[in-house]
């Protein structure tokens, strides 16, 4: 029994380390001066892949993701970087969206801007703290959860790399709304 417990803790530690290394690599790739080649990307397809990537997390928390998007939404970008951005935001909404979270993901074209909004019903982030959560390794509640404090930093860096923005606001669901705006093509 002790050996099984030790192995389980070791596996969990390895998974956390692997996740952190992946986050650090994603952040390094999104840093200024490391611009990858941009190609035509269907943001809706990338969004569907990001949602699919989170299905294990959805099942683990008995949650649900509702996705509303047009058939296509084209832009110039790096599909893998955009997938990382969206996956980080969806993961956060699931993690902090309350018990059995429902996460609403909406994509649309707003003029010449591709717009993605992710809403949850969790506790949200107080307005005075919303700037700080983009700082590297910043955690609102240190010691709670398994995050590294890099998800929103990566999301903002990838959005900026694509000429876009990430904005936090209160959600109509009662929690947090994250809005990503990217130039469409």
N, C-alpha and C. Protein backbone atom coordinates (compact mmCIF):
# COMPACT_ATOMS: atom_id res chain seq x y z
N UNK A 1 0.81 -1.20 0.00
CA UNK A 1 0.00 0.00 0.00
C UNK A 1 0.85 1.26 0.00
N UNK A 2 1.91 1.25 0.82
CA UNK A 2 2.78 2.44 0.89
C UNK A 2 3.47 2.66 -0.45
N UNK A 3 3.87 1.54 -1.08
CA UNK A 3 4.54 1.65 -2.37
C UNK A 3 3.59 2.22 -3.42
N UNK A 4 2.34 1.77 -3.43
CA UNK A 4 1.35 2.30 -4.38
C UNK A 4 1.12 3.79 -4.15
N UNK A 5 1.04 4.21 -2.89
CA UNK A 5 0.87 5.64 -2.57
C UNK A 5 2.07 6.44 -3.05
N UNK A 6 3.28 5.90 -2.83
CA UNK A 6 4.50 6.59 -3.27
C UNK A 6 4.54 6.71 -4.78
N UNK A 7 4.13 5.65 -5.48
CA UNK A 7 4.11 5.69 -6.95
C UNK A 7 3.08 6.69 -7.46
N UNK A 8 1.93 6.75 -6.80
CA UNK A 8 0.89 7.71 -7.20
C UNK A 8 1.40 9.14 -7.02
N UNK A 9 2.07 9.41 -5.89
CA UNK A 9 2.62 10.75 -5.66
C UNK A 9 3.71 11.07 -6.68
N UNK A 10 4.52 10.07 -7.01
CA UNK A 10 5.58 10.26 -8.00
C UNK A 10 4.99 10.58 -9.37
N UNK A 11 3.95 9.83 -9.76
CA UNK A 11 3.30 10.09 -11.05
C UNK A 11 2.70 11.49 -11.09
N UNK A 12 2.05 11.88 -10.00
CA UNK A 12 1.46 13.23 -9.93
C UNK A 12 2.54 14.30 -10.03
N UNK A 13 3.66 14.07 -9.37
CA UNK A 13 4.77 15.02 -9.44
C UNK A 13 5.35 15.12 -10.85
N UNK A 14 5.46 13.99 -11.51
CA UNK A 14 5.97 13.97 -12.88
C UNK A 14 5.00 14.70 -13.81
N UNK A 15 3.70 14.49 -13.62
CA UNK A 15 2.70 15.18 -14.44
C UNK A 15 2.77 16.69 -14.23
N UNK A 16 2.93 17.14 -12.98
CA UNK A 16 3.05 18.57 -12.69
C UNK A 16 4.30 19.15 -13.33
N UNK A 17 5.42 18.43 -13.23
CA UNK A 17 6.68 18.90 -13.82
C UNK A 17 6.56 18.96 -15.34
N UNK A 18 5.95 17.95 -15.94
CA UNK A 18 5.76 17.92 -17.38
C UNK A 18 4.89 19.10 -17.83
N UNK A 19 3.83 19.37 -17.08
CA UNK A 19 2.95 20.49 -17.41
C UNK A 19 3.71 21.82 -17.30
N UNK A 20 4.50 21.98 -16.25
CA UNK A 20 5.26 23.21 -16.06
C UNK A 20 6.26 23.41 -17.20
N UNK A 21 6.97 22.36 -17.59
CA UNK A 21 7.92 22.47 -18.70
C UNK A 21 7.19 22.87 -19.98
N UNK A 22 6.03 22.27 -20.23
CA UNK A 22 5.24 22.63 -21.40
C UNK A 22 4.80 24.09 -21.36
N UNK A 23 4.39 24.56 -20.18
CA UNK A 23 3.98 25.96 -20.03
C UNK A 23 5.16 26.89 -20.28
N UNK A 24 6.33 26.55 -19.73
CA UNK A 24 7.52 27.39 -19.92
C UNK A 24 7.93 27.44 -21.39
N UNK A 25 7.84 26.31 -22.09
CA UNK A 25 8.14 26.29 -23.52
C UNK A 25 7.15 27.14 -24.31
N UNK A 26 5.87 27.04 -23.97
CA UNK A 26 4.85 27.84 -24.65
C UNK A 26 5.11 29.33 -24.41
N UNK A 27 5.49 29.69 -23.19
CA UNK A 27 5.79 31.09 -22.88
C UNK A 27 7.00 31.56 -23.67
N UNK A 28 8.05 30.75 -23.74
CA UNK A 28 9.25 31.12 -24.49
C UNK A 28 8.94 31.32 -25.96
N UNK A 29 8.09 30.48 -26.52
CA UNK A 29 7.72 30.60 -27.93
C UNK A 29 6.91 31.86 -28.20
N UNK A 30 6.20 32.35 -27.18
CA UNK A 30 5.34 33.52 -27.34
C UNK A 30 6.05 34.83 -27.01
N UNK A 31 7.29 34.76 -26.57
CA UNK A 31 8.04 35.97 -26.21
C UNK A 31 8.29 36.83 -27.44
N UNK A 32 8.39 38.15 -27.24
CA UNK A 32 8.74 39.03 -28.36
C UNK A 32 10.06 38.59 -28.99
N UNK A 33 10.12 38.67 -30.30
CA UNK A 33 11.34 38.29 -31.01
C UNK A 33 11.36 36.82 -31.43
N UNK A 34 10.37 36.05 -31.00
CA UNK A 34 10.34 34.64 -31.37
C UNK A 34 9.09 34.35 -32.19
N UNK A 35 8.78 35.25 -33.10
CA UNK A 35 7.56 35.13 -33.89
C UNK A 35 7.64 33.95 -34.85
N UNK A 36 6.73 32.99 -34.72
CA UNK A 36 6.69 31.86 -35.65
C UNK A 36 6.08 32.29 -36.98
N UNK A 37 6.22 31.45 -37.96
CA UNK A 37 5.62 31.72 -39.26
C UNK A 37 4.10 31.65 -39.13
N UNK A 38 3.43 32.65 -39.65
CA UNK A 38 1.98 32.67 -39.62
C UNK A 38 1.44 32.14 -40.94
N UNK A 39 0.38 31.36 -40.84
CA UNK A 39 -0.31 30.84 -42.01
C UNK A 39 -1.79 31.14 -41.84
N UNK A 40 -2.59 30.87 -42.85
CA UNK A 40 -4.04 31.02 -42.70
C UNK A 40 -4.55 29.92 -41.77
N UNK A 41 -5.26 30.33 -40.75
CA UNK A 41 -5.75 29.41 -39.72
C UNK A 41 -7.24 29.61 -39.55
N UNK A 42 -7.98 28.51 -39.42
CA UNK A 42 -9.40 28.59 -39.08
C UNK A 42 -9.49 28.55 -37.56
N UNK A 43 -9.78 29.71 -36.96
CA UNK A 43 -9.83 29.81 -35.50
C UNK A 43 -10.90 28.90 -34.91
N UNK A 44 -11.99 28.67 -35.62
CA UNK A 44 -13.04 27.78 -35.11
C UNK A 44 -12.51 26.35 -35.00
N UNK A 45 -11.76 25.90 -35.99
CA UNK A 45 -11.17 24.56 -35.93
C UNK A 45 -10.19 24.46 -34.76
N UNK A 46 -9.37 25.49 -34.58
CA UNK A 46 -8.41 25.51 -33.46
C UNK A 46 -9.17 25.49 -32.13
N UNK A 47 -10.25 26.23 -32.06
CA UNK A 47 -11.07 26.27 -30.85
C UNK A 47 -11.69 24.91 -30.56
N UNK A 48 -12.17 24.23 -31.58
CA UNK A 48 -12.73 22.88 -31.40
C UNK A 48 -11.65 21.91 -30.88
N UNK A 49 -10.43 22.04 -31.40
CA UNK A 49 -9.33 21.19 -30.91
C UNK A 49 -9.01 21.50 -29.45
N UNK A 50 -9.00 22.78 -29.09
CA UNK A 50 -8.73 23.16 -27.69
C UNK A 50 -9.81 22.60 -26.76
N UNK A 51 -11.06 22.67 -27.19
CA UNK A 51 -12.16 22.10 -26.39
C UNK A 51 -11.97 20.59 -26.25
N UNK A 52 -11.61 19.91 -27.34
CA UNK A 52 -11.38 18.46 -27.30
C UNK A 52 -10.23 18.13 -26.35
N UNK A 53 -9.19 18.97 -26.33
CA UNK A 53 -8.04 18.75 -25.45
C UNK A 53 -8.43 18.75 -23.97
N UNK A 54 -9.51 19.44 -23.65
CA UNK A 54 -9.90 19.59 -22.24
C UNK A 54 -10.94 18.56 -21.78
N UNK A 55 -11.30 17.62 -22.62
CA UNK A 55 -12.38 16.69 -22.28
C UNK A 55 -12.08 15.84 -21.04
N UNK A 56 -10.84 15.48 -20.82
CA UNK A 56 -10.50 14.72 -19.60
C UNK A 56 -10.78 15.57 -18.37
N UNK A 57 -10.40 16.85 -18.43
CA UNK A 57 -10.66 17.77 -17.31
C UNK A 57 -12.16 17.97 -17.11
N UNK A 58 -12.91 18.09 -18.19
CA UNK A 58 -14.36 18.27 -18.12
C UNK A 58 -14.99 17.10 -17.37
N UNK A 59 -14.60 15.89 -17.75
CA UNK A 59 -15.15 14.70 -17.10
C UNK A 59 -14.74 14.61 -15.64
N UNK A 60 -13.50 14.99 -15.35
CA UNK A 60 -13.00 14.89 -13.97
C UNK A 60 -13.77 15.78 -13.01
N UNK A 61 -14.25 16.94 -13.49
CA UNK A 61 -14.98 17.87 -12.61
C UNK A 61 -16.49 17.81 -12.85
N UNK A 62 -16.93 16.84 -13.66
CA UNK A 62 -18.35 16.69 -13.99
C UNK A 62 -18.90 17.99 -14.57
N UNK A 63 -18.11 18.60 -15.45
CA UNK A 63 -18.48 19.87 -16.04
C UNK A 63 -19.05 19.72 -17.42
N UNK A 64 -19.23 20.89 -18.05
CA UNK A 64 -19.80 20.93 -19.39
C UNK A 64 -19.24 22.15 -20.11
N UNK A 65 -18.93 21.98 -21.38
CA UNK A 65 -18.51 23.11 -22.22
C UNK A 65 -19.55 23.29 -23.31
N UNK A 66 -20.04 24.52 -23.43
CA UNK A 66 -20.98 24.86 -24.49
C UNK A 66 -20.24 25.75 -25.49
N UNK A 67 -20.20 25.33 -26.74
CA UNK A 67 -19.47 26.06 -27.77
C UNK A 67 -20.43 26.58 -28.82
N UNK A 68 -20.36 27.89 -29.07
CA UNK A 68 -21.12 28.51 -30.15
C UNK A 68 -20.12 29.25 -31.03
N UNK A 69 -20.12 28.90 -32.32
CA UNK A 69 -19.17 29.52 -33.24
C UNK A 69 -19.71 29.42 -34.65
N UNK A 70 -19.26 30.33 -35.52
CA UNK A 70 -19.63 30.20 -36.93
C UNK A 70 -18.94 28.99 -37.54
N UNK A 71 -19.25 28.69 -38.78
CA UNK A 71 -18.64 27.54 -39.45
C UNK A 71 -17.13 27.71 -39.56
N UNK A 72 -16.68 28.92 -39.90
CA UNK A 72 -15.24 29.20 -40.00
C UNK A 72 -14.99 30.63 -39.54
N UNK A 73 -13.75 30.88 -39.18
CA UNK A 73 -13.31 32.22 -38.77
C UNK A 73 -11.82 32.28 -39.06
N UNK A 74 -11.47 32.83 -40.21
CA UNK A 74 -10.10 32.79 -40.68
C UNK A 74 -9.27 33.95 -40.17
N UNK A 75 -8.01 33.64 -39.86
CA UNK A 75 -7.04 34.66 -39.50
C UNK A 75 -5.65 34.17 -39.82
N UNK A 76 -4.70 35.08 -39.77
CA UNK A 76 -3.30 34.73 -39.99
C UNK A 76 -2.67 34.47 -38.64
N UNK A 77 -2.08 33.28 -38.46
CA UNK A 77 -1.51 32.99 -37.15
C UNK A 77 -0.81 31.65 -37.09
N UNK A 78 -0.42 31.32 -35.87
CA UNK A 78 0.24 30.06 -35.56
C UNK A 78 -0.79 29.20 -34.84
N UNK A 79 -1.27 28.15 -35.50
CA UNK A 79 -2.35 27.32 -34.97
C UNK A 79 -2.01 26.73 -33.60
N UNK A 80 -0.79 26.23 -33.42
CA UNK A 80 -0.42 25.61 -32.14
C UNK A 80 -0.38 26.63 -31.01
N UNK A 81 0.14 27.82 -31.28
CA UNK A 81 0.18 28.87 -30.26
C UNK A 81 -1.24 29.29 -29.88
N UNK A 82 -2.11 29.44 -30.87
CA UNK A 82 -3.50 29.81 -30.60
C UNK A 82 -4.22 28.71 -29.83
N UNK A 83 -3.92 27.48 -30.15
CA UNK A 83 -4.52 26.35 -29.42
C UNK A 83 -4.09 26.38 -27.96
N UNK A 84 -2.82 26.68 -27.71
CA UNK A 84 -2.31 26.79 -26.35
C UNK A 84 -3.01 27.92 -25.60
N UNK A 85 -3.18 29.06 -26.24
CA UNK A 85 -3.89 30.20 -25.65
C UNK A 85 -5.30 29.77 -25.23
N UNK A 86 -6.04 29.20 -26.16
CA UNK A 86 -7.43 28.83 -25.89
C UNK A 86 -7.55 27.71 -24.86
N UNK A 87 -6.66 26.73 -24.95
CA UNK A 87 -6.68 25.63 -23.98
C UNK A 87 -6.42 26.14 -22.57
N UNK A 88 -5.46 27.06 -22.42
CA UNK A 88 -5.19 27.64 -21.10
C UNK A 88 -6.42 28.34 -20.53
N UNK A 89 -7.10 29.10 -21.37
CA UNK A 89 -8.28 29.84 -20.90
C UNK A 89 -9.43 28.90 -20.54
N UNK A 90 -9.64 27.88 -21.35
CA UNK A 90 -10.71 26.92 -21.06
C UNK A 90 -10.37 26.11 -19.81
N UNK A 91 -9.11 25.69 -19.68
CA UNK A 91 -8.67 24.97 -18.47
C UNK A 91 -8.92 25.81 -17.21
N UNK A 92 -8.58 27.10 -17.27
CA UNK A 92 -8.81 27.98 -16.12
C UNK A 92 -10.29 28.08 -15.79
N UNK A 93 -11.13 28.23 -16.82
CA UNK A 93 -12.57 28.34 -16.59
C UNK A 93 -13.11 27.07 -15.93
N UNK A 94 -12.59 25.91 -16.34
CA UNK A 94 -13.01 24.65 -15.72
C UNK A 94 -12.51 24.54 -14.29
N UNK A 95 -11.26 24.93 -14.09
CA UNK A 95 -10.63 24.80 -12.78
C UNK A 95 -11.27 25.72 -11.74
N UNK A 96 -11.60 26.93 -12.16
CA UNK A 96 -12.12 27.93 -11.21
C UNK A 96 -13.59 28.24 -11.41
N UNK A 97 -14.28 27.46 -12.24
CA UNK A 97 -15.67 27.74 -12.58
C UNK A 97 -16.70 27.22 -11.59
N UNK A 98 -16.27 26.79 -10.42
CA UNK A 98 -17.20 26.30 -9.42
C UNK A 98 -17.42 24.80 -9.54
N UNK A 99 -18.24 24.26 -8.65
CA UNK A 99 -18.52 22.82 -8.70
C UNK A 99 -19.34 22.48 -9.95
N UNK A 100 -18.97 21.38 -10.60
CA UNK A 100 -19.63 20.97 -11.84
C UNK A 100 -19.79 22.16 -12.79
N UNK A 101 -18.67 22.75 -13.20
CA UNK A 101 -18.72 24.00 -13.96
C UNK A 101 -19.31 23.87 -15.35
N UNK A 102 -20.04 24.90 -15.73
CA UNK A 102 -20.48 25.06 -17.11
C UNK A 102 -19.66 26.21 -17.67
N UNK A 103 -18.98 25.95 -18.77
CA UNK A 103 -18.16 26.96 -19.42
C UNK A 103 -18.77 27.25 -20.78
N UNK A 104 -19.05 28.51 -21.02
CA UNK A 104 -19.60 28.92 -22.31
C UNK A 104 -18.47 29.54 -23.13
N UNK A 105 -18.30 29.02 -24.34
CA UNK A 105 -17.28 29.51 -25.26
C UNK A 105 -17.99 29.99 -26.51
N UNK A 106 -17.80 31.27 -26.83
CA UNK A 106 -18.45 31.87 -27.99
C UNK A 106 -17.40 32.51 -28.88
N UNK A 107 -17.50 32.24 -30.17
CA UNK A 107 -16.61 32.85 -31.15
C UNK A 107 -17.48 33.56 -32.18
N UNK A 108 -17.00 34.71 -32.64
CA UNK A 108 -17.75 35.47 -33.63
C UNK A 108 -16.81 36.42 -34.36
N UNK A 109 -17.29 36.94 -35.46
CA UNK A 109 -16.57 37.97 -36.19
C UNK A 109 -17.21 39.30 -35.82
N UNK A 110 -16.41 40.23 -35.33
CA UNK A 110 -16.87 41.56 -34.95
C UNK A 110 -16.13 42.56 -35.83
N UNK A 111 -16.73 42.88 -36.98
CA UNK A 111 -16.05 43.74 -37.95
C UNK A 111 -14.86 42.99 -38.54
N UNK A 112 -13.66 43.51 -38.29
CA UNK A 112 -12.44 42.87 -38.78
C UNK A 112 -11.70 42.14 -37.66
N UNK A 113 -12.43 41.83 -36.59
CA UNK A 113 -11.82 41.20 -35.42
C UNK A 113 -12.48 39.86 -35.13
N UNK A 114 -11.64 38.84 -34.93
CA UNK A 114 -12.12 37.55 -34.44
C UNK A 114 -12.23 37.67 -32.93
N UNK A 115 -13.39 37.36 -32.41
CA UNK A 115 -13.67 37.54 -31.00
C UNK A 115 -14.01 36.19 -30.37
N UNK A 116 -13.33 35.85 -29.27
CA UNK A 116 -13.65 34.64 -28.50
C UNK A 116 -13.92 35.08 -27.07
N UNK A 117 -15.07 34.66 -26.54
CA UNK A 117 -15.41 34.94 -25.14
C UNK A 117 -15.60 33.61 -24.43
N UNK A 118 -14.98 33.53 -23.24
CA UNK A 118 -15.09 32.33 -22.41
C UNK A 118 -15.66 32.78 -21.07
N UNK A 119 -16.81 32.24 -20.70
CA UNK A 119 -17.51 32.62 -19.48
C UNK A 119 -17.63 31.43 -18.54
N UNK A 120 -17.51 31.72 -17.23
CA UNK A 120 -17.74 30.70 -16.22
C UNK A 120 -18.57 31.29 -15.09
N UNK A 121 -19.02 30.42 -14.19
CA UNK A 121 -19.86 30.84 -13.06
C UNK A 121 -19.13 30.75 -11.74
N UNK A 122 -17.80 30.76 -11.77
CA UNK A 122 -17.02 30.67 -10.55
C UNK A 122 -16.99 31.97 -9.77
N UNK A 123 -16.02 32.11 -8.88
CA UNK A 123 -15.95 33.31 -8.04
C UNK A 123 -15.44 34.55 -8.79
N UNK A 124 -14.88 34.37 -9.98
CA UNK A 124 -14.34 35.50 -10.72
C UNK A 124 -13.05 36.02 -10.11
N UNK A 125 -12.60 37.14 -10.62
CA UNK A 125 -11.39 37.80 -10.12
C UNK A 125 -11.77 39.24 -9.80
N UNK A 126 -11.52 39.70 -8.59
CA UNK A 126 -11.86 41.09 -8.27
C UNK A 126 -11.19 42.06 -9.25
N UNK A 127 -11.91 43.12 -9.60
CA UNK A 127 -11.44 44.07 -10.61
C UNK A 127 -10.04 44.61 -10.29
N UNK A 128 -9.76 44.88 -9.03
CA UNK A 128 -8.46 45.42 -8.65
C UNK A 128 -7.31 44.45 -8.82
N UNK A 129 -7.61 43.18 -9.00
CA UNK A 129 -6.57 42.16 -9.12
C UNK A 129 -6.38 41.66 -10.55
N UNK A 130 -7.21 42.11 -11.46
CA UNK A 130 -7.21 41.57 -12.82
C UNK A 130 -5.92 41.84 -13.58
N UNK A 131 -5.23 42.91 -13.28
CA UNK A 131 -3.95 43.16 -13.97
C UNK A 131 -2.87 42.20 -13.48
N UNK A 132 -2.87 41.92 -12.19
CA UNK A 132 -1.82 41.08 -11.60
C UNK A 132 -1.83 39.65 -12.10
N UNK A 133 -3.00 39.12 -12.45
CA UNK A 133 -3.07 37.71 -12.84
C UNK A 133 -2.35 37.42 -14.14
N UNK A 134 -1.95 38.46 -14.87
CA UNK A 134 -1.17 38.27 -16.09
C UNK A 134 0.33 38.21 -15.79
N UNK A 135 0.74 38.48 -14.56
CA UNK A 135 2.16 38.41 -14.17
C UNK A 135 2.60 36.96 -14.11
N UNK A 136 3.84 36.71 -14.51
CA UNK A 136 4.39 35.35 -14.45
C UNK A 136 4.36 34.81 -13.03
N UNK A 137 3.92 33.59 -12.89
CA UNK A 137 3.90 32.82 -11.64
C UNK A 137 2.97 33.41 -10.58
N UNK A 138 2.18 34.42 -10.92
CA UNK A 138 1.26 34.98 -9.92
C UNK A 138 0.10 34.02 -9.73
N UNK A 139 -0.19 33.74 -8.49
CA UNK A 139 -1.33 32.87 -8.14
C UNK A 139 -2.16 33.61 -7.11
N UNK A 140 -3.44 33.71 -7.34
CA UNK A 140 -4.32 34.42 -6.41
C UNK A 140 -4.34 33.73 -5.06
N UNK A 141 -4.36 32.42 -5.06
CA UNK A 141 -4.41 31.66 -3.82
C UNK A 141 -3.29 30.64 -3.84
N UNK A 142 -2.06 31.06 -3.48
CA UNK A 142 -0.93 30.13 -3.52
C UNK A 142 -1.22 28.87 -2.71
N UNK A 143 -0.79 27.75 -3.25
CA UNK A 143 -0.99 26.47 -2.56
C UNK A 143 -2.30 25.80 -2.90
N UNK A 144 -3.23 26.52 -3.53
CA UNK A 144 -4.52 25.93 -3.90
C UNK A 144 -4.47 25.53 -5.36
N UNK A 145 -4.73 24.30 -5.64
CA UNK A 145 -4.71 23.82 -7.02
C UNK A 145 -3.31 23.49 -7.48
N UNK A 146 -3.22 23.07 -8.75
CA UNK A 146 -1.94 22.59 -9.26
C UNK A 146 -1.37 23.49 -10.34
N UNK A 147 -1.89 24.69 -10.51
CA UNK A 147 -1.41 25.57 -11.57
C UNK A 147 -0.04 26.15 -11.29
N UNK A 148 0.57 26.66 -12.36
CA UNK A 148 1.91 27.24 -12.25
C UNK A 148 1.87 28.76 -12.24
N UNK A 149 0.71 29.36 -12.51
CA UNK A 149 0.65 30.81 -12.59
C UNK A 149 1.17 31.35 -13.91
N UNK A 150 1.14 30.51 -14.96
CA UNK A 150 1.64 30.93 -16.27
C UNK A 150 0.55 30.98 -17.34
N UNK A 151 -0.60 30.39 -17.09
CA UNK A 151 -1.63 30.27 -18.12
C UNK A 151 -2.06 31.59 -18.72
N UNK A 152 -2.40 32.57 -17.89
CA UNK A 152 -2.84 33.86 -18.41
C UNK A 152 -1.67 34.65 -19.00
N UNK A 153 -0.48 34.45 -18.47
CA UNK A 153 0.71 35.09 -19.04
C UNK A 153 0.92 34.61 -20.47
N UNK A 154 0.80 33.30 -20.67
CA UNK A 154 0.95 32.72 -22.00
C UNK A 154 -0.17 33.22 -22.92
N UNK A 155 -1.39 33.23 -22.43
CA UNK A 155 -2.52 33.67 -23.25
C UNK A 155 -2.30 35.10 -23.74
N UNK A 156 -1.89 35.98 -22.84
CA UNK A 156 -1.67 37.38 -23.24
C UNK A 156 -0.52 37.48 -24.24
N UNK A 157 0.58 36.76 -24.00
CA UNK A 157 1.75 36.82 -24.89
C UNK A 157 1.39 36.32 -26.30
N UNK A 158 0.64 35.23 -26.38
CA UNK A 158 0.25 34.69 -27.69
C UNK A 158 -0.69 35.68 -28.40
N UNK A 159 -1.64 36.23 -27.66
CA UNK A 159 -2.55 37.21 -28.27
C UNK A 159 -1.77 38.40 -28.81
N UNK A 160 -0.84 38.93 -28.03
CA UNK A 160 -0.05 40.07 -28.46
C UNK A 160 0.81 39.71 -29.67
N UNK A 161 1.34 38.50 -29.69
CA UNK A 161 2.14 38.03 -30.82
C UNK A 161 1.32 38.03 -32.11
N UNK A 162 0.01 37.88 -31.97
CA UNK A 162 -0.90 37.85 -33.11
C UNK A 162 -1.58 39.21 -33.33
N UNK A 163 -1.11 40.25 -32.64
CA UNK A 163 -1.69 41.59 -32.80
C UNK A 163 -3.01 41.75 -32.07
N UNK A 164 -3.26 40.89 -31.07
CA UNK A 164 -4.53 40.92 -30.36
C UNK A 164 -4.41 41.26 -28.89
N UNK A 165 -5.51 41.10 -28.19
CA UNK A 165 -5.58 41.43 -26.76
C UNK A 165 -6.36 40.36 -26.00
N UNK A 166 -6.14 40.33 -24.69
CA UNK A 166 -6.94 39.51 -23.77
C UNK A 166 -7.45 40.45 -22.69
N UNK A 167 -8.75 40.41 -22.43
CA UNK A 167 -9.38 41.28 -21.45
C UNK A 167 -10.20 40.44 -20.49
N UNK A 168 -10.18 40.82 -19.22
CA UNK A 168 -10.96 40.13 -18.19
C UNK A 168 -12.10 41.04 -17.75
N UNK A 169 -13.27 40.44 -17.52
CA UNK A 169 -14.44 41.20 -17.06
C UNK A 169 -15.33 40.27 -16.26
N UNK A 170 -16.34 40.82 -15.67
CA UNK A 170 -17.35 40.00 -15.01
C UNK A 170 -18.18 39.28 -16.06
N UNK A 171 -18.57 38.07 -15.76
CA UNK A 171 -19.35 37.26 -16.70
C UNK A 171 -20.84 37.37 -16.40
N UNK A 172 -21.68 37.31 -17.42
CA UNK A 172 -23.12 37.23 -17.18
C UNK A 172 -23.51 35.99 -16.37
N UNK A 173 -22.62 34.99 -16.33
CA UNK A 173 -22.89 33.78 -15.55
C UNK A 173 -22.55 33.98 -14.07
N UNK A 174 -21.92 35.11 -13.75
CA UNK A 174 -21.57 35.40 -12.36
C UNK A 174 -20.10 35.27 -12.05
N UNK A 175 -19.33 34.63 -12.91
CA UNK A 175 -17.91 34.43 -12.67
C UNK A 175 -17.06 35.37 -13.50
N UNK A 176 -16.13 34.81 -14.23
CA UNK A 176 -15.19 35.58 -15.03
C UNK A 176 -15.49 35.42 -16.52
N UNK A 177 -15.33 36.51 -17.25
CA UNK A 177 -15.37 36.46 -18.70
C UNK A 177 -13.99 36.84 -19.21
N UNK A 178 -13.44 36.00 -20.07
CA UNK A 178 -12.17 36.30 -20.73
C UNK A 178 -12.49 36.53 -22.20
N UNK A 179 -12.08 37.69 -22.70
CA UNK A 179 -12.34 38.06 -24.09
C UNK A 179 -11.01 38.16 -24.83
N UNK A 180 -10.90 37.43 -25.92
CA UNK A 180 -9.72 37.46 -26.78
C UNK A 180 -10.14 38.10 -28.09
N UNK A 181 -9.40 39.12 -28.51
CA UNK A 181 -9.65 39.81 -29.77
C UNK A 181 -8.41 39.68 -30.65
N UNK A 182 -8.61 39.15 -31.86
CA UNK A 182 -7.50 38.93 -32.80
C UNK A 182 -7.90 39.47 -34.18
N UNK A 183 -6.95 40.07 -34.91
CA UNK A 183 -7.27 40.54 -36.24
C UNK A 183 -7.68 39.37 -37.16
N UNK A 184 -8.83 39.49 -37.79
CA UNK A 184 -9.30 38.46 -38.72
C UNK A 184 -8.79 38.77 -40.11
N UNK A 185 -8.83 37.74 -40.96
CA UNK A 185 -8.40 37.98 -42.35
C UNK A 185 -9.56 37.77 -43.30
